[in-house]
Amino acid sequence: METTTIRPIARYEGDLREKFGAPRQAGVVPELEGHVVFEPEYRDPEALRGIEGFDRLWLIWQFSENLRENGAWSSTVRPPRLGGNVRMGVFATRSPFRPNALGLSCVRLLAVEKDPERGLVLRVGGADLMDGTPIFDVKPYVPYADAHPEARAGFAPDPGATLALDFPPELEARVPEEKRAALRGILANDPRPRYQRDPERVYGLRFGEQNVKFTVSGETLTVRDVQP
């Protein structure tokens, strides 16, 4: 079989330290910000000339936490949207368990920032990536070619319902003010696997420098603790 080797051109830096809690799709939590930091050999500023003229970008990246040995893959997967009980074809889903483990995300370009040590860095919003995710390519989003709001969306026609939040002020105060809206968005979109519904279970979400403990009962998520 013909093979092709591709190398990361950049890494994503953000507040989600593990895949638990990552939004299920890009754009679900627009307040969530992060940075695309290019690898040393790709830090030529000429490579980004003109990028500030686009509001949104496509990121092509790797599900680095879902790599399987020897390229093993399955033709069907269990989408969380369907409760984890129904199998669908892998190419009819956005499952991370894919033959090449590639992801595609549309993010907002918030700024092109100059870092004295790392060159030009892209500050982006709404990504569904965890910290350290390898990025293979960056492409501009072109509305007339890429936006098709009339298109059918199969078994995922909408983002799904959000949860009500019970976030005690004394606990929220432990989170840096500029990161609270993003954390609220992640929690409201229910980071639990769809098949877990135990109201007594305490979940831990690593966000930035905090570990957020929470439970979910019915349609309400209650933050129980925020630890370093």
C-alpha atoms as a PDB file:
ATOM      1  CA  MET A   1       0.000   0.000   0.000  1.00  0.00           C
ATOM      2  CA  GLU A   2       1.245   3.481  -0.826  1.00  0.00           C
ATOM      3  CA  THR A   3       2.072   5.548   2.252  1.00  0.00           C
ATOM      4  CA  THR A   4       2.633   9.244   2.781  1.00  0.00           C
ATOM      5  CA  THR A   5       4.420  10.866   5.683  1.00  0.00           C
ATOM      6  CA  ILE A   6       3.210  14.238   6.934  1.00  0.00           C
ATOM      7  CA  ARG A   7       4.674  16.263   9.763  1.00  0.00           C
ATOM      8  CA  PRO A   8       3.003  18.733  12.119  1.00  0.00           C
ATOM      9  CA  ILE A   9       3.533  22.349  11.147  1.00  0.00           C
ATOM     10  CA  ALA A  10       2.218  23.659  14.478  1.00  0.00           C
ATOM     11  CA  ARG A  11       0.797  22.756  17.876  1.00  0.00           C
ATOM     12  CA  TYR A  12      -2.329  24.009  19.586  1.00  0.00           C
ATOM     13  CA  GLU A  13      -1.949  25.592  23.025  1.00  0.00           C
ATOM     14  CA  GLY A  14      -5.077  25.888  25.130  1.00  0.00           C
ATOM     15  CA  ASP A  15      -6.636  25.331  28.545  1.00  0.00           C
ATOM     16  CA  LEU A  16      -7.975  21.812  28.009  1.00  0.00           C
ATOM     17  CA  ARG A  17      -5.279  19.465  29.287  1.00  0.00           C
ATOM     18  CA  GLU A  18      -7.073  16.249  28.290  1.00  0.00           C
ATOM     19  CA  LYS A  19      -9.708  15.198  25.782  1.00  0.00           C
ATOM     20  CA  PHE A  20     -12.410  14.958  28.460  1.00  0.00           C
ATOM     21  CA  GLY A  21     -14.262  18.256  28.296  1.00  0.00           C
ATOM     22  CA  ALA A  22     -13.209  19.183  24.770  1.00  0.00           C
ATOM     23  CA  PRO A  23     -16.232  20.519  22.821  1.00  0.00           C
ATOM     24  CA  ARG A  24     -17.693  17.908  20.503  1.00  0.00           C
ATOM     25  CA  GLN A  25     -17.456  20.287  17.561  1.00  0.00           C
ATOM     26  CA  ALA A  26     -15.602  23.493  16.783  1.00  0.00           C
ATOM     27  CA  GLY A  27     -17.622  26.638  17.433  1.00  0.00           C
ATOM     28  CA  VAL A  28     -19.771  25.114  20.182  1.00  0.00           C
ATOM     29  CA  VAL A  29     -17.896  27.167  22.814  1.00  0.00           C
ATOM     30  CA  PRO A  30     -16.901  30.395  21.004  1.00  0.00           C
ATOM     31  CA  GLU A  31     -15.423  31.868  24.201  1.00  0.00           C
ATOM     32  CA  LEU A  32     -12.752  29.170  24.328  1.00  0.00           C
ATOM     33  CA  GLU A  33      -9.489  30.692  23.096  1.00  0.00           C
ATOM     34  CA  GLY A  34      -6.114  29.199  22.293  1.00  0.00           C
ATOM     35  CA  HIS A  35      -3.016  29.651  20.151  1.00  0.00           C
ATOM     36  CA  VAL A  36      -1.621  27.983  17.062  1.00  0.00           C
ATOM     37  CA  VAL A  37       2.155  27.931  17.598  1.00  0.00           C
ATOM     38  CA  PHE A  38       4.228  26.987  14.573  1.00  0.00           C
ATOM     39  CA  GLU A  39       7.140  24.578  14.644  1.00  0.00           C
ATOM     40  CA  PRO A  40      10.552  26.296  14.223  1.00  0.00           C
ATOM     41  CA  GLU A  41      10.980  25.404  10.545  1.00  0.00           C
ATOM     42  CA  TYR A  42       7.595  26.942   9.677  1.00  0.00           C
ATOM     43  CA  ARG A  43       7.995  30.253  11.494  1.00  0.00           C
ATOM     44  CA  ASP A  44       8.736  32.267   8.381  1.00  0.00           C
ATOM     45  CA  PRO A  45       6.394  35.308   8.645  1.00  0.00           C
ATOM     46  CA  GLU A  46       6.024  35.280   4.865  1.00  0.00           C
ATOM     47  CA  ALA A  47       4.023  32.046   5.192  1.00  0.00           C
ATOM     48  CA  LEU A  48       1.261  33.997   6.952  1.00  0.00           C
ATOM     49  CA  ARG A  49       1.205  37.035   4.683  1.00  0.00           C
ATOM     50  CA  GLY A  50      -2.436  38.011   4.086  1.00  0.00           C
ATOM     51  CA  ILE A  51      -3.954  35.699   6.694  1.00  0.00           C
ATOM     52  CA  GLU A  52      -5.262  38.636   8.754  1.00  0.00           C
ATOM     53  CA  GLY A  53      -7.756  39.286   5.937  1.00  0.00           C
ATOM     54  CA  PHE A  54      -9.758  36.193   6.911  1.00  0.00           C
ATOM     55  CA  ASP A  55     -12.128  35.932   9.868  1.00  0.00           C
ATOM     56  CA  ARG A  56     -12.060  32.152  10.068  1.00  0.00           C
ATOM     57  CA  LEU A  57      -9.586  29.376   9.399  1.00  0.00           C
ATOM     58  CA  TRP A  58      -9.669  25.636   8.826  1.00  0.00           C
ATOM     59  CA  LEU A  59      -7.309  23.594  10.990  1.00  0.00           C
ATOM     60  CA  ILE A  60      -6.346  20.086   9.886  1.00  0.00           C
ATOM     61  CA  TRP A  61      -5.066  18.209  12.906  1.00  0.00           C
ATOM     62  CA  GLN A  62      -4.491  14.824  14.490  1.00  0.00           C
ATOM     63  CA  PHE A  63      -6.531  12.981  17.113  1.00  0.00           C
ATOM     64  CA  SER A  64      -3.251  12.356  18.919  1.00  0.00           C
ATOM     65  CA  GLU A  65      -4.955  10.670  21.889  1.00  0.00           C
ATOM     66  CA  ASN A  66      -6.760   8.150  19.693  1.00  0.00           C
ATOM     67  CA  LEU A  67      -3.942   6.606  17.681  1.00  0.00           C
ATOM     68  CA  ARG A  68      -4.107   2.838  17.251  1.00  0.00           C
ATOM     69  CA  GLU A  69      -1.236   0.445  16.711  1.00  0.00           C
ATOM     70  CA  ASN A  70      -0.520  -0.891  13.233  1.00  0.00           C
ATOM     71  CA  GLY A  71      -3.149   1.380  11.676  1.00  0.00           C
ATOM     72  CA  ALA A  72      -6.003  -0.751  13.025  1.00  0.00           C
ATOM     73  CA  TRP A  73      -9.454   0.679  12.366  1.00  0.00           C
ATOM     74  CA  SER A  74     -13.121  -0.287  12.433  1.00  0.00           C
ATOM     75  CA  SER A  75     -15.632   0.303   9.663  1.00  0.00           C
ATOM     76  CA  THR A  76     -18.340   1.232  12.185  1.00  0.00           C
ATOM     77  CA  VAL A  77     -18.348   3.299  15.367  1.00  0.00           C
ATOM     78  CA  ARG A  78     -20.836   4.224  18.098  1.00  0.00           C
ATOM     79  CA  PRO A  79     -21.490   8.001  17.927  1.00  0.00           C
ATOM     80  CA  PRO A  80     -22.042   9.595  21.366  1.00  0.00           C
ATOM     81  CA  ARG A  81     -24.897  11.612  19.834  1.00  0.00           C
ATOM     82  CA  LEU A  82     -26.828   8.344  19.498  1.00  0.00           C
ATOM     83  CA  GLY A  83     -26.131   7.299  23.067  1.00  0.00           C
ATOM     84  CA  GLY A  84     -23.249   5.000  22.217  1.00  0.00           C
ATOM     85  CA  ASN A  85     -25.647   2.171  21.381  1.00  0.00           C
ATOM     86  CA  VAL A  86     -26.093   2.533  17.617  1.00  0.00           C
ATOM     87  CA  ARG A  87     -23.390   1.774  15.077  1.00  0.00           C
ATOM     88  CA  MET A  88     -22.803   4.024  12.079  1.00  0.00           C
ATOM     89  CA  GLY A  89     -20.215   3.939   9.322  1.00  0.00           C
ATOM     90  CA  VAL A  90     -16.986   5.618  10.398  1.00  0.00           C
ATOM     91  CA  PHE A  91     -17.022   7.836   7.294  1.00  0.00           C
ATOM     92  CA  ALA A  92     -20.568   8.949   8.152  1.00  0.00           C
ATOM     93  CA  THR A  93     -19.387  10.308  11.511  1.00  0.00           C
ATOM     94  CA  ARG A  94     -16.802  12.628  13.005  1.00  0.00           C
ATOM     95  CA  SER A  95     -15.492   9.950  15.326  1.00  0.00           C
ATOM     96  CA  PRO A  96     -11.823  10.312  16.331  1.00  0.00           C
ATOM     97  CA  PHE A  97     -11.315   6.579  15.666  1.00  0.00           C
ATOM     98  CA  ARG A  98     -10.478   6.893  11.974  1.00  0.00           C
ATOM     99  CA  PRO A  99      -7.943   5.215   9.679  1.00  0.00           C
ATOM    100  CA  ASN A 100      -5.741   8.325   9.606  1.00  0.00           C
ATOM    101  CA  ALA A 101      -6.967   9.953  12.863  1.00  0.00           C
ATOM    102  CA  LEU A 102      -7.390  13.350  11.195  1.00  0.00           C
ATOM    103  CA  GLY A 103      -9.652  16.125  12.448  1.00  0.00           C
ATOM    104  CA  LEU A 104     -10.993  19.225  10.704  1.00  0.00           C
ATOM    105  CA  SER A 105     -12.064  22.332  12.622  1.00  0.00           C
ATOM    106  CA  CYS A 106     -13.253  25.774  11.627  1.00  0.00           C
ATOM    107  CA  VAL A 107     -12.046  28.409  14.119  1.00  0.00           C
ATOM    108  CA  ARG A 108     -12.205  32.181  14.404  1.00  0.00           C
ATOM    109  CA  LEU A 109      -8.978  34.084  13.811  1.00  0.00           C
ATOM    110  CA  LEU A 110      -8.834  36.581  16.661  1.00  0.00           C
ATOM    111  CA  ALA A 111      -5.347  37.987  16.152  1.00  0.00           C
ATOM    112  CA  VAL A 112      -1.925  37.430  14.651  1.00  0.00           C
ATOM    113  CA  GLU A 113       0.479  37.971  17.524  1.00  0.00           C
ATOM    114  CA  LYS A 114       4.241  38.340  17.482  1.00  0.00           C
ATOM    115  CA  ASP A 115       6.060  36.335  20.117  1.00  0.00           C
ATOM    116  CA  PRO A 116       9.736  37.230  20.673  1.00  0.00           C
ATOM    117  CA  GLU A 117      10.756  33.579  20.868  1.00  0.00           C
ATOM    118  CA  ARG A 118       8.171  31.727  18.767  1.00  0.00           C
ATOM    119  CA  GLY A 119       7.559  34.143  15.923  1.00  0.00           C
ATOM    120  CA  LEU A 120       4.036  34.809  14.660  1.00  0.00           C
ATOM    121  CA  VAL A 121       1.346  33.016  16.635  1.00  0.00           C
ATOM    122  CA  LEU A 122      -2.339  32.742  15.718  1.00  0.00           C
ATOM    123  CA  ARG A 123      -4.831  33.438  18.504  1.00  0.00           C
ATOM    124  CA  VAL A 124      -8.014  31.550  17.668  1.00  0.00           C
ATOM    125  CA  GLY A 125     -11.457  31.078  19.203  1.00  0.00           C
ATOM    126  CA  GLY A 126     -13.918  28.199  19.314  1.00  0.00           C
ATOM    127  CA  ALA A 127     -11.485  25.329  18.778  1.00  0.00           C
ATOM    128  CA  ASP A 128     -12.380  21.804  19.906  1.00  0.00           C
ATOM    129  CA  LEU A 129      -8.752  20.822  20.457  1.00  0.00           C
ATOM    130  CA  MET A 130      -6.862  19.867  23.590  1.00  0.00           C
ATOM    131  CA  ASP A 131      -3.539  21.395  24.569  1.00  0.00           C
ATOM    132  CA  GLY A 132      -0.635  20.000  22.543  1.00  0.00           C
ATOM    133  CA  THR A 133      -2.690  18.825  19.544  1.00  0.00           C
ATOM    134  CA  PRO A 134      -0.518  18.485  16.395  1.00  0.00           C
ATOM    135  CA  ILE A 135      -1.704  20.631  13.473  1.00  0.00           C
ATOM    136  CA  PHE A 136      -0.861  19.555   9.933  1.00  0.00           C
ATOM    137  CA  ASP A 137      -2.222  22.491   7.967  1.00  0.00           C
ATOM    138  CA  VAL A 138      -3.953  25.872   8.211  1.00  0.00           C
ATOM    139  CA  LYS A 139      -6.262  27.068   5.440  1.00  0.00           C
ATOM    140  CA  PRO A 140      -8.489  30.152   5.103  1.00  0.00           C
ATOM    141  CA  TYR A 141     -12.247  29.706   5.419  1.00  0.00           C
ATOM    142  CA  VAL A 142     -14.076  31.141   2.395  1.00  0.00           C
ATOM    143  CA  PRO A 143     -17.823  31.687   3.104  1.00  0.00           C
ATOM    144  CA  TYR A 144     -19.160  31.359  -0.453  1.00  0.00           C
ATOM    145  CA  ALA A 145     -17.366  28.034  -0.912  1.00  0.00           C
ATOM    146  CA  ASP A 146     -17.430  26.571   2.591  1.00  0.00           C
ATOM    147  CA  ALA A 147     -20.821  27.621   4.038  1.00  0.00           C
ATOM    148  CA  HIS A 148     -23.879  25.564   3.102  1.00  0.00           C
ATOM    149  CA  PRO A 149     -26.522  26.180   5.796  1.00  0.00           C
ATOM    150  CA  GLU A 150     -29.197  24.370   3.763  1.00  0.00           C
ATOM    151  CA  ALA A 151     -27.279  21.082   3.846  1.00  0.00           C
ATOM    152  CA  ARG A 152     -28.757  18.144   5.759  1.00  0.00           C
ATOM    153  CA  ALA A 153     -26.896  17.064   8.902  1.00  0.00           C
ATOM    154  CA  GLY A 154     -27.974  13.438   9.255  1.00  0.00           C
ATOM    155  CA  PHE A 155     -28.260  12.268  12.851  1.00  0.00           C
ATOM    156  CA  ALA A 156     -26.655  15.477  14.218  1.00  0.00           C
ATOM    157  CA  PRO A 157     -28.979  18.266  13.011  1.00  0.00           C
ATOM    158  CA  ASP A 158     -28.217  20.632  15.900  1.00  0.00           C
ATOM    159  CA  PRO A 159     -25.665  21.151  18.725  1.00  0.00           C
ATOM    160  CA  GLY A 160     -27.964  19.527  21.284  1.00  0.00           C
ATOM    161  CA  ALA A 161     -29.482  20.842  24.490  1.00  0.00           C
ATOM    162  CA  THR A 162     -27.394  22.685  27.052  1.00  0.00           C
ATOM    163  CA  LEU A 163     -27.405  22.252  30.821  1.00  0.00           C
ATOM    164  CA  ALA A 164     -28.325  24.789  33.469  1.00  0.00           C
ATOM    165  CA  LEU A 165     -25.294  25.655  35.635  1.00  0.00           C
ATOM    166  CA  ASP A 166     -25.124  25.885  39.407  1.00  0.00           C
ATOM    167  CA  PHE A 167     -21.695  27.450  39.859  1.00  0.00           C
ATOM    168  CA  PRO A 168     -21.276  28.887  43.376  1.00  0.00           C
ATOM    169  CA  PRO A 169     -19.659  32.359  43.178  1.00  0.00           C
ATOM    170  CA  GLU A 170     -16.976  31.459  45.725  1.00  0.00           C
ATOM    171  CA  LEU A 171     -15.846  28.579  43.506  1.00  0.00           C
ATOM    172  CA  GLU A 172     -16.041  30.501  40.242  1.00  0.00           C
ATOM    173  CA  ALA A 173     -13.842  33.181  41.828  1.00  0.00           C
ATOM    174  CA  ARG A 174     -10.989  30.641  41.855  1.00  0.00           C
ATOM    175  CA  VAL A 175     -10.966  30.653  38.044  1.00  0.00           C
ATOM    176  CA  PRO A 176      -9.169  33.563  36.302  1.00  0.00           C
ATOM    177  CA  GLU A 177     -11.806  36.076  35.267  1.00  0.00           C
ATOM    178  CA  GLU A 178     -10.857  36.034  31.592  1.00  0.00           C
ATOM    179  CA  LYS A 179     -11.384  32.241  31.443  1.00  0.00           C
ATOM    180  CA  ARG A 180     -14.736  31.954  33.224  1.00  0.00           C
ATOM    181  CA  ALA A 181     -16.956  32.370  30.168  1.00  0.00           C
ATOM    182  CA  ALA A 182     -15.098  29.600  28.316  1.00  0.00           C
ATOM    183  CA  LEU A 183     -15.342  27.253  31.297  1.00  0.00           C
ATOM    184  CA  ARG A 184     -19.050  27.957  31.632  1.00  0.00           C
ATOM    185  CA  GLY A 185     -19.537  27.169  27.960  1.00  0.00           C
ATOM    186  CA  ILE A 186     -17.727  23.842  28.271  1.00  0.00           C
ATOM    187  CA  LEU A 187     -19.741  22.814  31.318  1.00  0.00           C
ATOM    188  CA  ALA A 188     -23.073  23.931  29.848  1.00  0.00           C
ATOM    189  CA  ASN A 189     -22.475  21.722  26.820  1.00  0.00           C
ATOM    190  CA  ASP A 190     -22.234  18.657  29.069  1.00  0.00           C
ATOM    191  CA  PRO A 191     -18.710  17.209  28.828  1.00  0.00           C
ATOM    192  CA  ARG A 192     -19.824  13.784  30.034  1.00  0.00           C
ATOM    193  CA  PRO A 193     -19.959  10.802  27.681  1.00  0.00           C
ATOM    194  CA  ARG A 194     -23.565  10.543  26.501  1.00  0.00           C
ATOM    195  CA  TYR A 195     -23.993   7.090  28.046  1.00  0.00           C
ATOM    196  CA  GLN A 196     -23.077   8.218  31.601  1.00  0.00           C
ATOM    197  CA  ARG A 197     -26.063   9.497  33.578  1.00  0.00           C
ATOM    198  CA  ASP A 198     -25.260   8.692  37.226  1.00  0.00           C
ATOM    199  CA  PRO A 199     -26.300  11.764  39.283  1.00  0.00           C
ATOM    200  CA  GLU A 200     -24.012  10.701  42.125  1.00  0.00           C
ATOM    201  CA  ARG A 201     -20.876  10.464  40.036  1.00  0.00           C
ATOM    202  CA  VAL A 202     -18.322  13.248  40.558  1.00  0.00           C
ATOM    203  CA  TYR A 203     -16.436  14.218  37.394  1.00  0.00           C
ATOM    204  CA  GLY A 204     -13.119  16.037  37.198  1.00  0.00           C
ATOM    205  CA  LEU A 205     -12.342  18.440  34.349  1.00  0.00           C
ATOM    206  CA  ARG A 206      -8.802  19.770  33.949  1.00  0.00           C
ATOM    207  CA  PHE A 207      -9.072  23.327  32.708  1.00  0.00           C
ATOM    208  CA  GLY A 208      -6.018  25.579  32.730  1.00  0.00           C
ATOM    209  CA  GLU A 209      -4.448  25.334  36.171  1.00  0.00           C
ATOM    210  CA  GLN A 210      -7.636  24.096  37.840  1.00  0.00           C
ATOM    211  CA  ASN A 211      -9.375  20.773  38.326  1.00  0.00           C
ATOM    212  CA  VAL A 212     -13.117  21.399  38.274  1.00  0.00           C
ATOM    213  CA  LYS A 213     -15.246  18.833  40.120  1.00  0.00           C
ATOM    214  CA  PHE A 214     -18.918  18.580  39.176  1.00  0.00           C
ATOM    215  CA  THR A 215     -22.030  16.418  39.199  1.00  0.00           C
ATOM    216  CA  VAL A 216     -25.032  16.385  36.884  1.00  0.00           C
ATOM    217  CA  SER A 217     -28.582  15.676  37.965  1.00  0.00           C
ATOM    218  CA  GLY A 218     -31.304  15.920  35.367  1.00  0.00           C
ATOM    219  CA  GLU A 219     -30.646  19.038  33.307  1.00  0.00           C
ATOM    220  CA  THR A 220     -28.501  20.828  35.911  1.00  0.00           C
ATOM    221  CA  LEU A 221     -24.735  20.677  36.313  1.00  0.00           C
ATOM    222  CA  THR A 222     -23.477  21.602  39.769  1.00  0.00           C
ATOM    223  CA  VAL A 223     -19.852  22.572  40.372  1.00  0.00           C
ATOM    224  CA  ARG A 224     -18.732  20.952  43.620  1.00  0.00           C
ATOM    225  CA  ASP A 225     -15.137  22.159  43.886  1.00  0.00           C
ATOM    226  CA  VAL A 226     -12.367  23.953  42.013  1.00  0.00           C
ATOM    227  CA  GLN A 227      -8.942  22.679  42.983  1.00  0.00           C
ATOM    228  CA  PRO A 228      -5.423  23.660  41.893  1.00  0.00           C
END
